[in-house]
Structures are given as C-alpha cells and as structure tokens.
Amino acid sequence: MKLVMMLAFLVSLAGTLVLGSRLVRAGVRHRGTPELVYGAALCLSGVGSIVRVIVYGIIGVSEETRGAIIFSSIFAVATLAVMTTGLRLIYHPKSRWPWGLQALLVGVSLAGTWHLATSPVAVHLRPIEQMLNDIANTGMMMWGAIEGFTYWARLRRRLALGIAEPMVVERFRLWGTGFAVGSCASALLWLTPILIGKRIIDVIAVSAAANLAIVAMTVLIWLAFYPPEWLQRRVSARATAS
C-alpha cells in the first residue's frame, strides 16, 4: 500500500506540474485568463506539495523544519489567492460578492499560516488552527465545483436550443467534476485527524485515496483544456443523438 501511495503521489505531482507549465505557456501566449490561472495555481500547488511531503512524510515535523512548513503554507496561500482570483474573474467579472468570499478564504488561509509560524510545532496531530489552510483550500475547491456545475447546467439549456457548442458544455462539466474531486482530496487532509485521530500520512489507505483523487482531478482538468479526439467525437455524437 505504501508503494501505491508513493506512485499515486508521483503521478499526481508529475501531472500537476506538466499540466500547470503547459497551461501557463498557453495563457501567456494567448492571454487566456483560465489557462493562466489554472496553470499558475497548479504549479504553485505542485511545489508546495513537494515540500509538504518531504517534511511530513520523510524528514519529520520538528522545530528544525518549521521554516519548510511555513514555506509550504505560503505556497498554499498563493495557490488559493490565484485560483480564487480566477474564479472571480471567469465567472463573476462584474459582481462584488466574490471579492468578499475571496477575502474570507484568503484570510482563513493566512490565519492558518500565522498559527504555523507562531505556535509550537505540532509533532503529531495538528490543532485545528494549524489546519485552517487546508480548510480554506477545501472551501475554494467547493466554490469552483459549484461554479462549474452551475455554468454547465446553464449551458445545457442553451445546448438544447442549439445555441451552445457541445464541447464547451462538456468542458464546464469536467471542470466542475475536477473541482469536486479536488475538494474531497483536500477535505481528507483535515477531516482525517478530526474524525480518526491520526495524521493522513499515518493512514496509508486514506493517504493513497487522496493522492489518487488528485490524479483524477488532474486528468479531468487536462481533458477539459486539451480534449482528445475520442472525447470530442463522443460528445458530438451524444449531442447529435439527443
């Protein structure tokens, strides 16, 4: 099971960094907000994950590794800030309320980083104050899932009237599903200690499930941005049949 967990992590990490860098290049080249936002967030998340796994899974948590813990947490805050900015710009460019939700999530994440920097290092179970970063990330993922599915439902009605492209509709379904899967993986990071009383790294099955969920999320986002021919044919055929 440990081998499965490690392989799942390596696959998810490789997929995250490759997809992230590819999207950043596309976003810069075409000035596309979705590509740039998703790409930057994936790259930041990947770097933060490397540091986090090294500290929590290999070196071990201690006062000597506090700097690395804070470094990883800062990358998590940056990831959340970038992604929530993207959600606000993509789905609600003219609304005011997303600013408040973004500020709340970023504030919660920063509070978690502050506790990590100023409180005694939790060698075993972290207090909930030091899990605020993960909780905020779950909230961000849930926001993304809700937005993706809401827009998908709206475009499905337009598709029925023949005024929407089938693949565009499918992209939003994939984005919504990817964020939903990601929210489950994120929630495991802080729900596992609360419900089971153990760190996720100490529960091999749960840790492997979280990494496999991240792999699934990366695949879904990849399909949304770079749909292969077989998926495009399938979506087109389904739309024609209906």
Protein backbone atom coordinates (compact mmCIF):
# COMPACT_ATOMS: atom_id res chain seq x y z
CA MET A 1 0.00 0.00 0.00
CA LYS A 2 2.90 2.38 0.71
CA LEU A 3 4.15 1.73 -2.81
CA VAL A 4 0.71 2.55 -4.22
CA MET A 5 0.63 5.75 -2.17
CA MET A 6 4.07 6.83 -3.37
CA LEU A 7 3.27 6.03 -7.00
CA ALA A 8 -0.01 7.92 -6.76
CA PHE A 9 1.79 10.93 -5.33
CA LEU A 10 4.49 10.89 -8.01
CA VAL A 11 1.92 10.56 -10.80
CA SER A 12 -0.24 13.33 -9.36
CA LEU A 13 2.81 15.57 -8.87
CA ALA A 14 4.15 14.98 -12.38
CA GLY A 15 0.73 15.53 -13.94
CA THR A 16 0.15 18.69 -11.91
CA LEU A 17 3.49 20.27 -12.84
CA VAL A 18 3.37 19.26 -16.51
CA LEU A 19 -0.21 20.44 -16.99
CA GLY A 20 0.46 23.60 -14.97
CA SER A 21 3.51 24.62 -17.00
CA ARG A 22 1.73 23.86 -20.27
CA LEU A 23 -1.28 25.98 -19.29
CA VAL A 24 0.93 28.87 -18.15
CA ARG A 25 2.69 28.90 -21.53
CA ALA A 26 -0.66 28.81 -23.33
CA GLY A 27 -2.06 31.55 -21.10
CA VAL A 28 0.91 33.83 -21.72
CA ARG A 29 0.88 33.14 -25.46
CA HIS A 30 -2.86 33.63 -25.98
CA ARG A 31 -3.57 35.91 -23.00
CA GLY A 32 -6.15 33.44 -21.76
CA THR A 33 -7.26 34.01 -18.17
CA PRO A 34 -8.47 30.43 -17.48
CA GLU A 35 -5.25 28.86 -18.75
CA LEU A 36 -3.01 31.28 -16.89
CA VAL A 37 -4.95 31.00 -13.63
CA TYR A 38 -5.26 27.21 -13.64
CA GLY A 39 -1.65 26.80 -14.76
CA ALA A 40 -0.17 29.13 -12.15
CA ALA A 41 -2.27 27.56 -9.39
CA LEU A 42 -1.23 24.03 -10.40
CA CYS A 43 2.47 24.96 -10.49
CA LEU A 44 2.31 26.64 -7.09
CA SER A 45 0.38 23.71 -5.66
CA GLY A 46 2.90 21.23 -7.04
CA VAL A 47 5.89 22.99 -5.49
CA GLY A 48 4.10 23.29 -2.16
CA SER A 49 3.19 19.59 -2.26
CA ILE A 50 6.82 18.58 -2.78
CA VAL A 51 7.93 20.48 0.32
CA ARG A 52 4.96 19.24 2.35
CA VAL A 53 5.55 15.57 1.57
CA ILE A 54 9.29 15.87 2.24
CA VAL A 55 8.63 17.45 5.65
CA TYR A 56 5.61 15.46 6.83
CA GLY A 57 6.42 12.16 5.15
CA ILE A 58 10.22 11.88 5.04
CA ILE A 59 12.14 14.27 7.29
CA GLY A 60 9.52 14.61 10.02
CA VAL A 61 7.95 17.60 11.73
CA SER A 62 10.12 19.43 14.25
CA GLU A 63 11.25 22.91 15.23
CA GLU A 64 14.14 22.46 12.77
CA THR A 65 11.70 22.05 9.86
CA ARG A 66 9.46 24.98 10.86
CA GLY A 67 10.84 27.09 8.01
CA ALA A 68 9.95 24.44 5.43
CA ILE A 69 6.46 24.07 6.94
CA ILE A 70 5.86 27.81 6.68
CA PHE A 71 7.30 27.81 3.13
CA SER A 72 4.82 25.12 2.10
CA SER A 73 1.98 27.01 3.75
CA ILE A 74 2.87 30.22 1.92
CA PHE A 75 2.68 28.37 -1.38
CA ALA A 76 -0.76 27.10 -0.35
CA VAL A 77 -1.91 30.67 0.34
CA ALA A 78 -0.56 31.79 -3.03
CA THR A 79 -2.31 28.90 -4.79
CA LEU A 80 -5.61 29.79 -3.16
CA ALA A 81 -5.22 33.51 -3.92
CA VAL A 82 -4.52 32.82 -7.60
CA MET A 83 -7.35 30.33 -8.01
CA THR A 84 -9.96 32.43 -6.24
CA THR A 85 -8.93 35.40 -8.38
CA GLY A 86 -9.54 33.22 -11.41
CA LEU A 87 -12.94 32.05 -10.19
CA ARG A 88 -13.93 35.65 -9.60
CA LEU A 89 -12.73 36.88 -13.00
CA ILE A 90 -14.02 33.92 -15.02
CA TYR A 91 -17.49 33.55 -13.54
CA HIS A 92 -18.32 36.91 -11.94
CA PRO A 93 -16.18 39.65 -13.51
CA LYS A 94 -18.68 42.41 -12.67
CA SER A 95 -20.05 41.20 -9.32
CA ARG A 96 -18.91 42.41 -5.92
CA TRP A 97 -19.78 39.47 -3.66
CA PRO A 98 -16.93 37.22 -4.95
CA TRP A 99 -14.47 39.76 -3.54
CA GLY A 100 -15.85 39.09 -0.07
CA LEU A 101 -15.71 35.31 -0.48
CA GLN A 102 -12.17 35.51 -1.83
CA ALA A 103 -11.08 37.75 1.03
CA LEU A 104 -12.63 35.34 3.55
CA LEU A 105 -10.87 32.28 2.11
CA VAL A 106 -7.51 34.01 1.77
CA GLY A 107 -7.87 35.42 5.28
CA VAL A 108 -8.58 31.98 6.74
CA SER A 109 -5.60 30.57 4.87
CA LEU A 110 -3.33 33.35 6.12
CA ALA A 111 -4.56 32.75 9.67
CA GLY A 112 -3.50 29.11 9.35
CA THR A 113 -0.07 30.17 8.13
CA TRP A 114 0.24 32.62 11.02
CA HIS A 115 -0.53 29.87 13.54
CA LEU A 116 2.04 27.59 11.91
CA ALA A 117 4.63 30.35 12.22
CA THR A 118 3.88 31.43 15.79
CA SER A 119 2.55 28.34 17.61
CA PRO A 120 4.58 25.38 18.84
CA VAL A 121 5.22 22.89 16.05
CA ALA A 122 2.69 20.04 16.27
CA VAL A 123 4.82 16.89 16.04
CA HIS A 124 1.78 14.61 15.96
CA LEU A 125 -1.78 15.86 15.43
CA ARG A 126 -2.13 19.48 14.41
CA PRO A 127 -4.64 21.67 16.23
CA ILE A 128 -7.46 22.91 14.03
CA GLU A 129 -5.89 26.38 13.96
CA GLN A 130 -2.97 24.93 12.03
CA MET A 131 -5.33 23.21 9.57
CA LEU A 132 -7.08 26.43 8.51
CA ASN A 133 -5.01 26.46 5.34
CA ASP A 134 -6.42 23.09 4.28
CA ILE A 135 -9.95 24.08 5.32
CA ALA A 136 -9.77 27.23 3.19
CA ASN A 137 -8.48 25.18 0.25
CA THR A 138 -11.46 22.84 0.55
CA GLY A 139 -13.76 25.87 0.51
CA MET A 140 -12.06 27.16 -2.64
CA MET A 141 -12.45 23.77 -4.35
CA MET A 142 -16.13 23.63 -3.42
CA TRP A 143 -16.60 27.13 -4.84
CA GLY A 144 -15.00 26.02 -8.11
CA ALA A 145 -17.19 22.90 -8.26
CA ILE A 146 -20.38 24.89 -7.69
CA GLU A 147 -19.44 27.45 -10.34
CA GLY A 148 -18.52 24.77 -12.88
CA PHE A 149 -21.71 22.76 -12.40
CA THR A 150 -23.90 25.88 -12.33
CA TYR A 151 -22.48 27.11 -15.63
CA TRP A 152 -22.73 23.58 -17.07
CA ALA A 153 -26.44 23.42 -16.20
CA ARG A 154 -26.98 26.84 -17.77
CA LEU A 155 -25.19 25.86 -20.99
CA ARG A 156 -27.08 22.56 -21.18
CA ARG A 157 -30.31 24.53 -21.57
CA ARG A 158 -28.68 26.55 -24.35
CA LEU A 159 -27.41 23.33 -25.95
CA ALA A 160 -30.98 22.03 -26.07
CA LEU A 161 -31.91 25.16 -28.03
CA GLY A 162 -28.96 24.69 -30.38
CA ILE A 163 -27.10 27.84 -29.31
CA ALA A 164 -24.15 26.27 -27.45
CA GLU A 165 -21.23 24.14 -28.56
CA PRO A 166 -21.36 20.59 -27.12
CA MET A 167 -17.65 20.54 -26.25
CA VAL A 168 -17.89 23.87 -24.44
CA VAL A 169 -20.70 22.44 -22.32
CA GLU A 170 -18.63 19.35 -21.60
CA ARG A 171 -15.64 21.43 -20.53
CA PHE A 172 -17.62 23.01 -17.70
CA ARG A 173 -18.86 19.59 -16.58
CA LEU A 174 -15.27 18.39 -16.45
CA TRP A 175 -14.15 21.50 -14.56
CA GLY A 176 -16.95 21.09 -12.03
CA THR A 177 -16.17 17.40 -11.56
CA GLY A 178 -12.45 18.09 -11.23
CA PHE A 179 -13.01 20.66 -8.50
CA ALA A 180 -15.46 18.35 -6.72
CA VAL A 181 -12.89 15.54 -6.68
CA GLY A 182 -10.23 18.01 -5.56
CA SER A 183 -12.42 19.19 -2.68
CA CYS A 184 -12.73 15.59 -1.48
CA ALA A 185 -8.95 15.14 -1.58
CA SER A 186 -8.43 18.43 0.25
CA ALA A 187 -11.03 17.61 2.89
CA LEU A 188 -9.24 14.37 3.75
CA LEU A 189 -6.21 16.37 4.91
CA TRP A 190 -8.08 17.91 7.85
CA LEU A 191 -11.07 15.59 8.34
CA THR A 192 -8.85 12.55 8.86
CA PRO A 193 -7.19 13.92 12.02
CA ILE A 194 -10.52 15.20 13.34
CA LEU A 195 -12.55 12.05 12.70
CA ILE A 196 -9.92 9.30 13.09
CA GLY A 197 -7.43 10.96 15.40
CA LYS A 198 -4.47 10.23 13.12
CA ARG A 199 -2.47 12.19 10.58
CA ILE A 200 -3.38 11.37 7.00
CA ILE A 201 0.23 10.33 6.36
CA ASP A 202 -0.21 7.65 9.05
CA VAL A 203 -3.37 6.21 7.44
CA ILE A 204 -1.98 4.66 4.29
CA ALA A 205 -5.33 3.83 2.66
CA VAL A 206 -6.70 7.34 3.14
CA SER A 207 -3.45 8.93 2.01
CA ALA A 208 -3.42 6.80 -1.14
CA ALA A 209 -7.07 7.67 -1.80
CA ALA A 210 -6.27 11.38 -1.51
CA ASN A 211 -3.39 11.10 -3.97
CA LEU A 212 -5.49 9.06 -6.40
CA ALA A 213 -8.18 11.73 -6.17
CA ILE A 214 -5.58 14.36 -7.09
CA VAL A 215 -4.57 12.21 -10.07
CA ALA A 216 -8.23 12.04 -11.13
CA MET A 217 -8.63 15.81 -10.72
CA THR A 218 -5.54 16.45 -12.87
CA VAL A 219 -6.85 14.11 -15.59
CA LEU A 220 -10.25 15.83 -15.59
CA ILE A 221 -8.72 19.30 -15.86
CA TRP A 222 -6.39 18.06 -18.61
CA LEU A 223 -9.35 16.68 -20.58
CA ALA A 224 -11.19 19.97 -20.14
CA PHE A 225 -8.38 22.05 -21.60
CA TYR A 226 -6.99 19.51 -24.09
CA PRO A 227 -9.86 17.16 -25.05
CA PRO A 228 -8.61 14.25 -27.19
CA GLU A 229 -10.26 13.33 -30.45
CA TRP A 230 -12.16 10.36 -28.99
CA LEU A 231 -13.76 12.58 -26.35
CA GLN A 232 -14.75 15.22 -28.90
CA ARG A 233 -16.33 12.55 -31.12
CA ARG A 234 -18.18 11.06 -28.17
CA VAL A 235 -19.53 14.41 -27.02
CA SER A 236 -20.55 15.36 -30.57
CA ALA A 237 -22.31 12.04 -31.12
CA ARG A 238 -24.15 12.31 -27.83
CA ALA A 239 -25.32 15.83 -28.66
CA THR A 240 -26.49 14.71 -32.12
CA ALA A 241 -28.38 11.74 -30.67
CA SER A 242 -30.21 13.91 -28.18
